Amino acid sequence: MPPVLPFEFVVTGKPVSHQAKDRKRVQAWKIEVRNTAAACWTVGIPLGDFLKVIITHYYDTDPGSEEGVPDSDNIVKPVRDALNGLIYVDDYQITDFVSRRRSLNGSFRVKGMSSVLAEAFCKGKEFLHIKIEAAPDASELS
């Protein structure tokens, strides 16, 4: 059976930056991401095609106070590393990448929300939403 994309999952909790001084914390975060993805990944083999990865950090903080929120570019590397060999053979396959962050205290108008994302919002805790799609056809890009 060919893998079905898009594939998405949620990791609850605050992500750890690849720049964190505590390397054990970074490693533990990678393991948590990998274990969560593995629990959702029913295909059993990594994808070999080019991919688009979208990572959104939904953080919980007081409005106007973002001191403790890691930069979105700093949380990407541990996640990409964690998925190597599990979801994709190697992260060189990621041709398109989107990284963003959103406050859980914001207002959202959502059309066609996935059940994975809806369940995460219902928990009301900080989380990372990771979605993997087939890469767009490069010949169609301008």
C-alpha atoms as a PDB file:
ATOM      1  CA  MET A   1       0.000   0.000   0.000  1.00  0.00           C
ATOM      2  CA  PRO A   2       1.529   3.376  -0.978  1.00  0.00           C
ATOM      3  CA  PRO A   3       1.892   5.954   1.799  1.00  0.00           C
ATOM      4  CA  VAL A   4      -0.982   8.360   2.169  1.00  0.00           C
ATOM      5  CA  LEU A   5      -0.113  12.029   2.310  1.00  0.00           C
ATOM      6  CA  PRO A   6      -0.652  14.387   3.916  1.00  0.00           C
ATOM      7  CA  PHE A   7       0.578  12.936   7.184  1.00  0.00           C
ATOM      8  CA  GLU A   8       0.217  15.004  10.320  1.00  0.00           C
ATOM      9  CA  PHE A   9       0.668  14.678  14.040  1.00  0.00           C
ATOM     10  CA  VAL A  10       0.916  16.809  17.162  1.00  0.00           C
ATOM     11  CA  VAL A  11       3.530  16.866  19.906  1.00  0.00           C
ATOM     12  CA  THR A  12       2.192  18.402  23.108  1.00  0.00           C
ATOM     13  CA  GLY A  13       4.482  20.651  25.123  1.00  0.00           C
ATOM     14  CA  LYS A  14       7.015  23.377  24.554  1.00  0.00           C
ATOM     15  CA  PRO A  15       9.537  22.565  21.811  1.00  0.00           C
ATOM     16  CA  VAL A  16      13.243  22.633  22.580  1.00  0.00           C
ATOM     17  CA  SER A  17      15.553  24.827  20.503  1.00  0.00           C
ATOM     18  CA  HIS A  18      18.546  23.216  18.823  1.00  0.00           C
ATOM     19  CA  GLN A  19      20.566  26.006  20.495  1.00  0.00           C
ATOM     20  CA  ALA A  20      19.643  24.874  24.006  1.00  0.00           C
ATOM     21  CA  LYS A  21      22.725  24.486  26.205  1.00  0.00           C
ATOM     22  CA  ASP A  22      21.340  21.345  27.823  1.00  0.00           C
ATOM     23  CA  ARG A  23      22.058  18.788  25.081  1.00  0.00           C
ATOM     24  CA  LYS A  24      20.261  16.046  27.022  1.00  0.00           C
ATOM     25  CA  ARG A  25      17.081  18.134  26.844  1.00  0.00           C
ATOM     26  CA  VAL A  26      17.485  18.517  23.074  1.00  0.00           C
ATOM     27  CA  GLN A  27      18.014  14.766  22.688  1.00  0.00           C
ATOM     28  CA  ALA A  28      14.997  13.983  24.873  1.00  0.00           C
ATOM     29  CA  TRP A  29      12.874  16.319  22.717  1.00  0.00           C
ATOM     30  CA  LYS A  30      14.024  14.568  19.531  1.00  0.00           C
ATOM     31  CA  ILE A  31      13.097  11.218  21.052  1.00  0.00           C
ATOM     32  CA  GLU A  32       9.666  12.531  22.060  1.00  0.00           C
ATOM     33  CA  VAL A  33       9.017  13.861  18.542  1.00  0.00           C
ATOM     34  CA  ARG A  34      10.188  10.605  16.960  1.00  0.00           C
ATOM     35  CA  ASN A  35       8.152   8.398  19.311  1.00  0.00           C
ATOM     36  CA  THR A  36       5.022  10.490  18.739  1.00  0.00           C
ATOM     37  CA  ALA A  37       5.482  10.351  14.961  1.00  0.00           C
ATOM     38  CA  ALA A  38       6.172   6.592  15.067  1.00  0.00           C
ATOM     39  CA  ALA A  39       2.943   5.987  16.992  1.00  0.00           C
ATOM     40  CA  CYS A  40       1.005   7.699  14.174  1.00  0.00           C
ATOM     41  CA  TRP A  41       3.028   6.421  11.198  1.00  0.00           C
ATOM     42  CA  THR A  42       1.337   3.183  10.125  1.00  0.00           C
ATOM     43  CA  VAL A  43       3.204   2.783   6.818  1.00  0.00           C
ATOM     44  CA  GLY A  44       6.305   1.381   8.491  1.00  0.00           C
ATOM     45  CA  ILE A  45       8.813   2.530   5.873  1.00  0.00           C
ATOM     46  CA  PRO A  46      10.220   5.991   5.175  1.00  0.00           C
ATOM     47  CA  LEU A  47       9.095   7.945   2.128  1.00  0.00           C
ATOM     48  CA  GLY A  48      11.521   8.316  -0.769  1.00  0.00           C
ATOM     49  CA  ASP A  49       9.871  11.223  -2.586  1.00  0.00           C
ATOM     50  CA  PHE A  50      10.412  14.960  -2.324  1.00  0.00           C
ATOM     51  CA  LEU A  51       8.338  16.515   0.437  1.00  0.00           C
ATOM     52  CA  LYS A  52       6.901  19.682   1.875  1.00  0.00           C
ATOM     53  CA  VAL A  53       7.015  19.989   5.670  1.00  0.00           C
ATOM     54  CA  ILE A  54       4.958  22.484   7.656  1.00  0.00           C
ATOM     55  CA  ILE A  55       5.698  22.992  11.352  1.00  0.00           C
ATOM     56  CA  THR A  56       3.489  25.281  13.419  1.00  0.00           C
ATOM     57  CA  HIS A  57       4.213  26.015  17.066  1.00  0.00           C
ATOM     58  CA  TYR A  58       1.047  26.960  18.944  1.00  0.00           C
ATOM     59  CA  TYR A  59       2.385  28.553  22.102  1.00  0.00           C
ATOM     60  CA  ASP A  60       0.686  29.647  25.298  1.00  0.00           C
ATOM     61  CA  THR A  61       1.811  32.911  26.844  1.00  0.00           C
ATOM     62  CA  ASP A  62       0.309  36.142  28.083  1.00  0.00           C
ATOM     63  CA  PRO A  63      -0.638  38.483  25.225  1.00  0.00           C
ATOM     64  CA  GLY A  64       2.283  40.776  24.345  1.00  0.00           C
ATOM     65  CA  SER A  65       4.760  38.653  26.304  1.00  0.00           C
ATOM     66  CA  GLU A  66       6.783  36.336  24.099  1.00  0.00           C
ATOM     67  CA  GLU A  67      10.147  36.229  25.928  1.00  0.00           C
ATOM     68  CA  GLY A  68       9.954  32.491  26.596  1.00  0.00           C
ATOM     69  CA  VAL A  69       8.775  31.497  23.116  1.00  0.00           C
ATOM     70  CA  PRO A  70      11.568  29.976  21.025  1.00  0.00           C
ATOM     71  CA  ASP A  71      12.161  31.349  17.535  1.00  0.00           C
ATOM     72  CA  SER A  72      10.466  29.181  14.950  1.00  0.00           C
ATOM     73  CA  ASP A  73      13.725  28.667  13.040  1.00  0.00           C
ATOM     74  CA  ASN A  74      15.423  27.268  16.171  1.00  0.00           C
ATOM     75  CA  ILE A  75      12.850  24.520  16.750  1.00  0.00           C
ATOM     76  CA  VAL A  76      13.043  23.145  13.214  1.00  0.00           C
ATOM     77  CA  LYS A  77      16.332  21.226  13.283  1.00  0.00           C
ATOM     78  CA  PRO A  78      15.503  18.842  16.156  1.00  0.00           C
ATOM     79  CA  VAL A  79      12.173  18.004  14.512  1.00  0.00           C
ATOM     80  CA  ARG A  80      13.678  17.400  11.076  1.00  0.00           C
ATOM     81  CA  ASP A  81      16.417  15.256  12.628  1.00  0.00           C
ATOM     82  CA  ALA A  82      13.876  13.242  14.624  1.00  0.00           C
ATOM     83  CA  LEU A  83      11.944  12.290  11.494  1.00  0.00           C
ATOM     84  CA  ASN A  84      15.016  11.155   9.495  1.00  0.00           C
ATOM     85  CA  GLY A  85      14.828   7.453   8.685  1.00  0.00           C
ATOM     86  CA  LEU A  86      11.275   7.198  10.002  1.00  0.00           C
ATOM     87  CA  ILE A  87       9.032   9.413   7.852  1.00  0.00           C
ATOM     88  CA  TYR A  88      11.586  10.192   5.145  1.00  0.00           C
ATOM     89  CA  VAL A  89      14.924   8.630   4.267  1.00  0.00           C
ATOM     90  CA  ASP A  90      16.816  11.892   4.814  1.00  0.00           C
ATOM     91  CA  ASP A  91      15.853  15.521   5.186  1.00  0.00           C
ATOM     92  CA  TYR A  92      17.478  16.350   1.824  1.00  0.00           C
ATOM     93  CA  GLN A  93      14.075  15.246   0.441  1.00  0.00           C
ATOM     94  CA  ILE A  94      12.420  18.305   1.957  1.00  0.00           C
ATOM     95  CA  THR A  95      12.278  20.744  -0.932  1.00  0.00           C
ATOM     96  CA  ASP A  96       9.638  23.008   0.608  1.00  0.00           C
ATOM     97  CA  PHE A  97       9.492  24.037   4.220  1.00  0.00           C
ATOM     98  CA  VAL A  98       7.205  26.301   6.259  1.00  0.00           C
ATOM     99  CA  SER A  99       7.874  27.173   9.895  1.00  0.00           C
ATOM    100  CA  ARG A 100       5.535  29.402  11.849  1.00  0.00           C
ATOM    101  CA  ARG A 101       4.308  30.181  15.336  1.00  0.00           C
ATOM    102  CA  ARG A 102       0.897  31.230  16.587  1.00  0.00           C
ATOM    103  CA  SER A 103      -0.409  32.201  19.998  1.00  0.00           C
ATOM    104  CA  LEU A 104      -3.064  29.908  21.416  1.00  0.00           C
ATOM    105  CA  ASN A 105      -4.635  33.064  22.828  1.00  0.00           C
ATOM    106  CA  GLY A 106      -5.275  34.422  19.323  1.00  0.00           C
ATOM    107  CA  SER A 107      -8.470  34.264  17.338  1.00  0.00           C
ATOM    108  CA  PHE A 108      -8.685  31.758  14.515  1.00  0.00           C
ATOM    109  CA  ARG A 109     -11.036  31.373  11.586  1.00  0.00           C
ATOM    110  CA  VAL A 110     -10.537  27.835  10.434  1.00  0.00           C
ATOM    111  CA  LYS A 111     -12.044  26.184   7.394  1.00  0.00           C
ATOM    112  CA  GLY A 112     -11.545  22.461   6.966  1.00  0.00           C
ATOM    113  CA  MET A 113      -9.521  21.840  10.138  1.00  0.00           C
ATOM    114  CA  SER A 114      -8.190  18.305  10.463  1.00  0.00           C
ATOM    115  CA  SER A 115      -9.296  16.156  13.367  1.00  0.00           C
ATOM    116  CA  VAL A 116      -5.642  15.966  14.516  1.00  0.00           C
ATOM    117  CA  LEU A 117      -5.420  19.747  14.831  1.00  0.00           C
ATOM    118  CA  ALA A 118      -8.913  20.084  16.341  1.00  0.00           C
ATOM    119  CA  GLU A 119      -8.083  17.572  19.068  1.00  0.00           C
ATOM    120  CA  ALA A 120      -4.888  19.458  19.925  1.00  0.00           C
ATOM    121  CA  PHE A 121      -6.759  22.768  20.226  1.00  0.00           C
ATOM    122  CA  CYS A 122      -9.348  21.147  22.487  1.00  0.00           C
ATOM    123  CA  LYS A 123      -6.627  20.166  24.980  1.00  0.00           C
ATOM    124  CA  GLY A 124      -5.732  23.848  25.429  1.00  0.00           C
ATOM    125  CA  LYS A 125      -2.016  23.167  25.891  1.00  0.00           C
ATOM    126  CA  GLU A 126       1.008  24.375  23.949  1.00  0.00           C
ATOM    127  CA  PHE A 127       1.819  22.078  21.020  1.00  0.00           C
ATOM    128  CA  LEU A 128       3.665  21.577  17.777  1.00  0.00           C
ATOM    129  CA  HIS A 129       1.665  20.619  14.678  1.00  0.00           C
ATOM    130  CA  ILE A 130       3.725  18.840  12.035  1.00  0.00           C
ATOM    131  CA  LYS A 131       2.327  18.185   8.584  1.00  0.00           C
ATOM    132  CA  ILE A 132       4.091  16.409   5.733  1.00  0.00           C
ATOM    133  CA  GLU A 133       2.815  16.650   2.181  1.00  0.00           C
ATOM    134  CA  ALA A 134       4.028  15.729  -1.281  1.00  0.00           C
ATOM    135  CA  ALA A 135       6.280  18.490  -2.599  1.00  0.00           C
ATOM    136  CA  PRO A 136       4.691  20.702  -5.220  1.00  0.00           C
ATOM    137  CA  ASP A 137       5.770  20.066  -8.792  1.00  0.00           C
ATOM    138  CA  ALA A 138       8.796  22.326  -9.298  1.00  0.00           C
ATOM    139  CA  SER A 139       7.853  22.889 -12.946  1.00  0.00           C
ATOM    140  CA  GLU A 140       4.645  24.598 -11.774  1.00  0.00           C
ATOM    141  CA  LEU A 141       6.388  27.070  -9.495  1.00  0.00           C
ATOM    142  CA  SER A 142       7.069  30.605 -10.593  1.00  0.00           C
END
